[in-house]
N, C-alpha and C. Protein backbone atom coordinates (compact mmCIF):
# COMPACT_ATOMS: atom_id res chain seq x y z
N MET A 1 82.38 162.62 59.20
CA MET A 1 82.58 163.33 58.47
C MET A 1 83.05 164.75 59.15
N LEU A 2 84.46 164.77 58.95
CA LEU A 2 85.51 165.74 59.81
C LEU A 2 84.70 167.19 60.19
N THR A 3 85.02 167.88 60.97
CA THR A 3 84.49 169.31 61.30
C THR A 3 85.08 170.36 60.95
N ASP A 4 84.60 171.75 60.41
CA ASP A 4 85.61 172.49 60.10
C ASP A 4 86.50 172.62 61.19
N ALA A 5 86.61 172.99 62.70
CA ALA A 5 87.46 173.11 63.29
C ALA A 5 88.47 171.87 63.25
N GLU A 6 88.79 170.46 62.96
CA GLU A 6 89.00 170.00 63.10
C GLU A 6 90.07 170.13 61.99
N ILE A 7 89.40 170.57 60.58
CA ILE A 7 90.40 170.89 59.08
C ILE A 7 91.28 172.55 59.43
N GLU A 8 90.61 172.70 60.19
CA GLU A 8 91.70 174.05 60.45
C GLU A 8 92.25 173.70 61.65
N HIS A 9 92.44 172.70 62.12
CA HIS A 9 93.75 172.36 62.83
C HIS A 9 94.82 171.63 61.81
N ILE A 10 93.82 171.13 61.51
CA ILE A 10 95.21 170.15 60.15
C ILE A 10 96.13 171.01 59.48
N ALA A 11 95.35 172.06 58.76
CA ALA A 11 95.40 173.15 57.87
C ALA A 11 96.42 173.81 59.17
N LYS A 12 96.04 174.09 60.23
CA LYS A 12 97.68 174.94 61.24
C LYS A 12 98.56 174.11 61.54
N LEU A 13 98.63 172.70 61.63
CA LEU A 13 99.23 172.20 61.55
C LEU A 13 100.19 171.89 60.53
N GLY A 14 99.68 171.27 59.26
CA GLY A 14 100.44 171.83 57.91
C GLY A 14 100.72 172.93 57.35
N ARG A 15 100.44 173.71 58.37
CA ARG A 15 101.01 175.30 57.90
C ARG A 15 100.38 175.73 56.48
N ILE A 16 99.65 175.30 56.36
CA ILE A 16 98.59 175.79 55.06
C ILE A 16 97.91 176.64 55.60
N GLU A 17 97.64 177.65 54.34
CA GLU A 17 96.80 178.73 54.45
C GLU A 17 95.63 178.42 53.56
N LEU A 18 94.36 178.37 54.52
CA LEU A 18 93.02 178.01 53.62
C LEU A 18 92.44 179.20 53.24
N LEU A 19 91.79 179.08 51.93
CA LEU A 19 91.56 180.29 51.54
C LEU A 19 89.56 179.98 51.58
N GLU A 20 88.78 181.14 50.91
CA GLU A 20 87.40 180.90 51.04
C GLU A 20 86.83 179.58 50.32
N GLY A 21 86.34 178.55 51.25
CA GLY A 21 85.60 177.54 50.15
C GLY A 21 86.38 176.26 50.51
N ASP A 22 87.68 176.29 51.14
CA ASP A 22 88.50 175.31 51.02
C ASP A 22 88.25 174.47 52.28
N VAL A 23 87.97 175.08 53.16
CA VAL A 23 87.47 174.38 54.32
C VAL A 23 86.37 172.63 53.66
N GLU A 24 85.32 173.34 53.33
CA GLU A 24 83.98 172.40 52.58
C GLU A 24 85.19 171.24 51.89
N LYS A 25 85.54 171.87 50.78
CA LYS A 25 86.57 171.17 49.96
C LYS A 25 87.11 169.70 51.22
N PHE A 26 88.75 170.33 51.10
CA PHE A 26 89.02 169.93 52.24
C PHE A 26 88.04 168.34 53.46
N LYS A 27 87.25 169.18 54.06
CA LYS A 27 86.43 168.32 54.85
C LYS A 27 85.67 166.96 53.56
N ARG A 28 85.40 167.13 52.56
CA ARG A 28 84.97 166.49 51.83
C ARG A 28 86.13 165.05 51.33
N GLU A 29 87.30 165.57 50.92
CA GLU A 29 88.42 165.04 50.50
C GLU A 29 88.90 164.28 51.80
N LEU A 30 89.37 165.08 52.54
CA LEU A 30 90.03 164.12 53.87
C LEU A 30 88.94 163.69 54.79
N SER A 31 87.79 163.41 54.76
CA SER A 31 86.91 162.47 54.86
C SER A 31 86.88 161.26 54.53
N SER A 32 87.13 160.95 52.78
CA SER A 32 86.67 160.42 52.00
C SER A 32 88.57 159.59 51.77
N ILE A 33 89.20 160.20 52.47
CA ILE A 33 90.58 159.46 52.58
C ILE A 33 90.15 158.68 53.88
N LEU A 34 89.89 159.29 54.86
CA LEU A 34 89.93 158.79 55.97
C LEU A 34 89.17 157.42 56.18
N GLY A 35 87.94 157.88 55.27
CA GLY A 35 87.36 156.64 55.12
C GLY A 35 87.40 155.35 54.41
N TYR A 36 88.40 155.36 53.83
CA TYR A 36 88.93 154.31 52.82
C TYR A 36 90.26 153.99 53.62
N VAL A 37 90.60 154.94 54.35
CA VAL A 37 91.87 153.64 55.39
C VAL A 37 91.12 152.84 56.63
N GLN A 38 90.06 153.55 56.86
CA GLN A 38 88.96 152.71 58.20
C GLN A 38 88.76 151.45 57.06
N GLN A 39 88.43 151.31 55.90
CA GLN A 39 88.12 150.20 55.19
C GLN A 39 89.10 149.50 55.32
N LEU A 40 90.33 149.70 55.09
CA LEU A 40 91.53 149.15 54.77
C LEU A 40 91.70 148.78 56.07
N GLN A 41 91.70 149.14 57.28
CA GLN A 41 92.00 148.71 58.93
C GLN A 41 91.20 147.72 59.40
N ALA A 42 89.63 147.55 58.33
CA ALA A 42 88.85 146.56 58.39
C ALA A 42 89.14 145.41 58.33
N ILE A 43 89.92 145.04 57.51
CA ILE A 43 90.40 143.86 56.15
C ILE A 43 91.34 143.19 57.39
N ASP A 44 91.17 141.41 57.57
CA ASP A 44 92.09 140.99 58.60
C ASP A 44 93.19 140.58 57.56
N THR A 45 94.36 141.08 58.05
CA THR A 45 95.61 140.60 57.16
C THR A 45 96.44 139.98 58.25
N SER A 46 95.69 139.30 59.17
CA SER A 46 96.53 138.17 60.49
C SER A 46 97.22 137.30 59.65
N SER A 47 96.91 136.33 58.71
CA SER A 47 97.81 135.58 57.53
C SER A 47 98.64 136.20 56.55
N VAL A 48 98.28 137.15 56.35
CA VAL A 48 99.48 137.87 55.56
C VAL A 48 100.48 138.36 55.71
N GLU A 49 101.96 137.63 55.27
CA GLU A 49 103.25 137.46 55.71
C GLU A 49 103.66 139.16 55.65
N PRO A 50 104.71 140.26 56.58
CA PRO A 50 104.65 141.33 56.29
C PRO A 50 105.98 141.38 55.03
N MET A 51 105.42 142.41 54.24
CA MET A 51 106.26 143.12 53.01
C MET A 51 107.06 143.99 52.99
N TYR A 52 108.19 143.82 52.72
CA TYR A 52 109.15 145.24 53.11
C TYR A 52 109.46 145.64 51.86
N GLN A 53 109.52 145.19 50.72
CA GLN A 53 109.36 145.53 49.63
C GLN A 53 108.40 144.82 48.18
N THR A 54 108.30 144.92 47.33
CA THR A 54 107.43 144.32 46.32
C THR A 54 108.43 143.57 44.86
N THR A 55 109.11 144.26 44.82
CA THR A 55 109.84 144.20 43.39
C THR A 55 111.17 142.53 43.46
N GLY A 56 111.46 142.50 44.80
CA GLY A 56 112.14 141.02 44.58
C GLY A 56 113.95 141.67 44.60
N VAL A 57 114.00 142.84 44.19
CA VAL A 57 115.42 143.62 43.77
C VAL A 57 116.36 143.79 45.10
N GLU A 58 117.07 142.80 45.11
CA GLU A 58 118.22 142.90 46.11
C GLU A 58 119.29 144.31 45.85
N ASN A 59 119.71 144.30 47.02
CA ASN A 59 121.19 145.73 46.82
C ASN A 59 122.26 145.23 46.81
N ALA A 60 122.90 145.36 45.38
CA ALA A 60 123.70 144.65 44.94
C ALA A 60 125.36 145.62 45.47
N ILE A 61 125.81 145.05 46.42
CA ILE A 61 127.06 145.59 46.92
C ILE A 61 128.27 144.90 46.79
N ARG A 62 128.98 145.45 46.33
CA ARG A 62 130.66 145.38 45.60
C ARG A 62 131.54 146.26 46.37
N ALA A 63 132.40 145.31 46.89
CA ALA A 63 133.68 146.03 47.14
C ALA A 63 134.25 147.64 46.49
N ASP A 64 134.76 148.05 46.81
CA ASP A 64 134.94 149.77 47.02
C ASP A 64 136.45 149.59 46.47
N GLU A 65 136.81 149.19 45.27
CA GLU A 65 138.29 148.70 45.25
C GLU A 65 138.57 150.02 43.55
N PRO A 66 139.70 150.18 43.46
CA PRO A 66 139.97 150.39 42.38
C PRO A 66 140.58 149.74 41.46
N ARG A 67 139.16 150.36 39.74
CA ARG A 67 139.45 149.62 38.56
C ARG A 67 140.56 150.18 37.81
N ASN A 68 141.22 151.08 37.95
CA ASN A 68 142.13 151.17 37.40
C ASN A 68 141.70 151.54 35.75
N ALA A 69 140.73 152.13 35.81
CA ALA A 69 139.97 151.89 34.32
C ALA A 69 140.28 153.38 33.56
N PHE A 70 140.79 154.28 34.19
CA PHE A 70 141.67 155.55 33.89
C PHE A 70 142.82 155.77 34.76
N PRO A 71 144.10 155.12 34.41
CA PRO A 71 145.39 155.36 35.27
C PRO A 71 145.21 156.95 35.16
N MET A 72 145.32 157.32 36.50
CA MET A 72 145.62 159.21 36.69
C MET A 72 147.01 159.08 36.29
N ASP A 73 147.36 160.27 35.50
CA ASP A 73 148.66 160.98 35.50
C ASP A 73 148.60 162.26 35.53
N THR A 74 149.70 162.97 35.35
CA THR A 74 149.40 164.21 35.72
C THR A 74 148.60 165.21 34.55
N GLU A 75 149.18 164.90 33.57
CA GLU A 75 148.51 165.21 32.24
C GLU A 75 146.91 165.04 31.86
N LEU A 76 146.75 163.90 32.53
CA LEU A 76 145.24 163.62 32.49
C LEU A 76 144.31 164.47 33.80
N SER A 77 144.84 164.31 34.82
CA SER A 77 144.70 165.65 35.86
C SER A 77 144.93 166.78 35.64
N ALA A 78 145.68 167.14 35.02
CA ALA A 78 145.67 168.63 34.51
C ALA A 78 144.42 168.92 33.39
N LEU A 79 144.24 167.83 32.64
CA LEU A 79 143.04 168.15 31.44
C LEU A 79 141.78 167.95 32.42
N LEU A 80 141.94 167.43 33.21
CA LEU A 80 140.34 167.41 34.32
C LEU A 80 139.86 168.80 35.32
N VAL A 81 140.70 168.52 35.57
CA VAL A 81 141.35 169.72 36.63
C VAL A 81 140.84 171.21 35.49
N GLY A 82 141.42 171.58 34.71
CA GLY A 82 141.30 172.61 33.72
C GLY A 82 139.99 172.96 32.96
N GLN A 83 139.37 171.82 33.34
CA GLN A 83 138.10 172.01 32.73
C GLN A 83 136.81 172.28 33.67
N ALA A 84 137.61 172.83 34.68
CA ALA A 84 136.15 172.92 36.30
C ALA A 84 136.47 174.67 35.75
N PRO A 85 135.21 175.43 36.30
CA PRO A 85 135.44 176.79 36.13
C PRO A 85 136.07 177.50 37.22
N MET A 86 136.76 177.03 38.27
CA MET A 86 136.85 177.31 39.22
C MET A 86 138.64 176.40 39.73
N LYS A 87 139.68 177.13 40.15
CA LYS A 87 140.51 175.64 40.26
C LYS A 87 141.70 176.54 40.95
N GLU A 88 142.48 175.66 41.60
CA GLU A 88 143.51 176.47 42.83
C GLU A 88 144.10 175.06 42.76
N GLU A 89 145.58 175.69 42.26
CA GLU A 89 146.69 174.70 41.76
C GLU A 89 146.14 173.60 41.02
N ARG A 90 146.20 172.35 41.69
CA ARG A 90 145.69 171.33 40.69
C ARG A 90 144.72 170.56 41.27
N PHE A 91 143.80 171.42 41.81
CA PHE A 91 142.42 171.18 42.82
C PHE A 91 141.38 172.09 42.02
N VAL A 92 139.96 171.44 42.20
CA VAL A 92 138.56 172.12 41.60
C VAL A 92 138.22 172.59 43.35
N LYS A 93 138.49 174.16 42.57
CA LYS A 93 137.68 174.91 44.13
C LYS A 93 135.96 175.22 43.90
N VAL A 94 135.35 174.90 45.15
CA VAL A 94 134.23 175.09 44.62
C VAL A 94 133.46 175.56 46.11
N ARG A 95 132.40 176.68 45.60
CA ARG A 95 131.71 177.71 46.89
C ARG A 95 131.24 176.86 47.84
N SER A 96 131.62 177.40 49.17
CA SER A 96 131.22 176.88 50.45
C SER A 96 129.84 177.16 50.28
N VAL A 97 129.56 175.59 51.06
CA VAL A 97 128.34 174.92 50.90
C VAL A 97 128.00 175.52 52.77
N LEU A 98 128.46 175.43 53.57
CA LEU A 98 128.13 175.77 54.88
C LEU A 98 128.80 176.80 55.51
N LYS A 99 127.52 178.07 56.04
CA LYS A 99 127.84 179.01 56.24
C LYS A 99 128.62 179.03 57.89
N LYS A 100 129.63 180.05 57.81
CA LYS A 100 130.29 180.37 58.79
C LYS A 100 130.00 180.97 59.71
């Protein structure tokens, strides 16, 4: 079982403010979790092949090529940019996301 000092140290590392009664609660919960991890570590997994995923789904990468599904012309461009809340000439204008 974890000690009060260990719980307070873990809380300090995680920048978690402990309220009254939290130390005992976290002592029980974290000790239980660590006990379960200790049980898992005792299992012999030497004959188990490592797995990197369980679904079997693979990333389907395709070439990034234009499909010309919507051929862009000045009329369509004006229509799309015209729907933006802020615009400058023929471009959509956005607020700066980086502070200078």
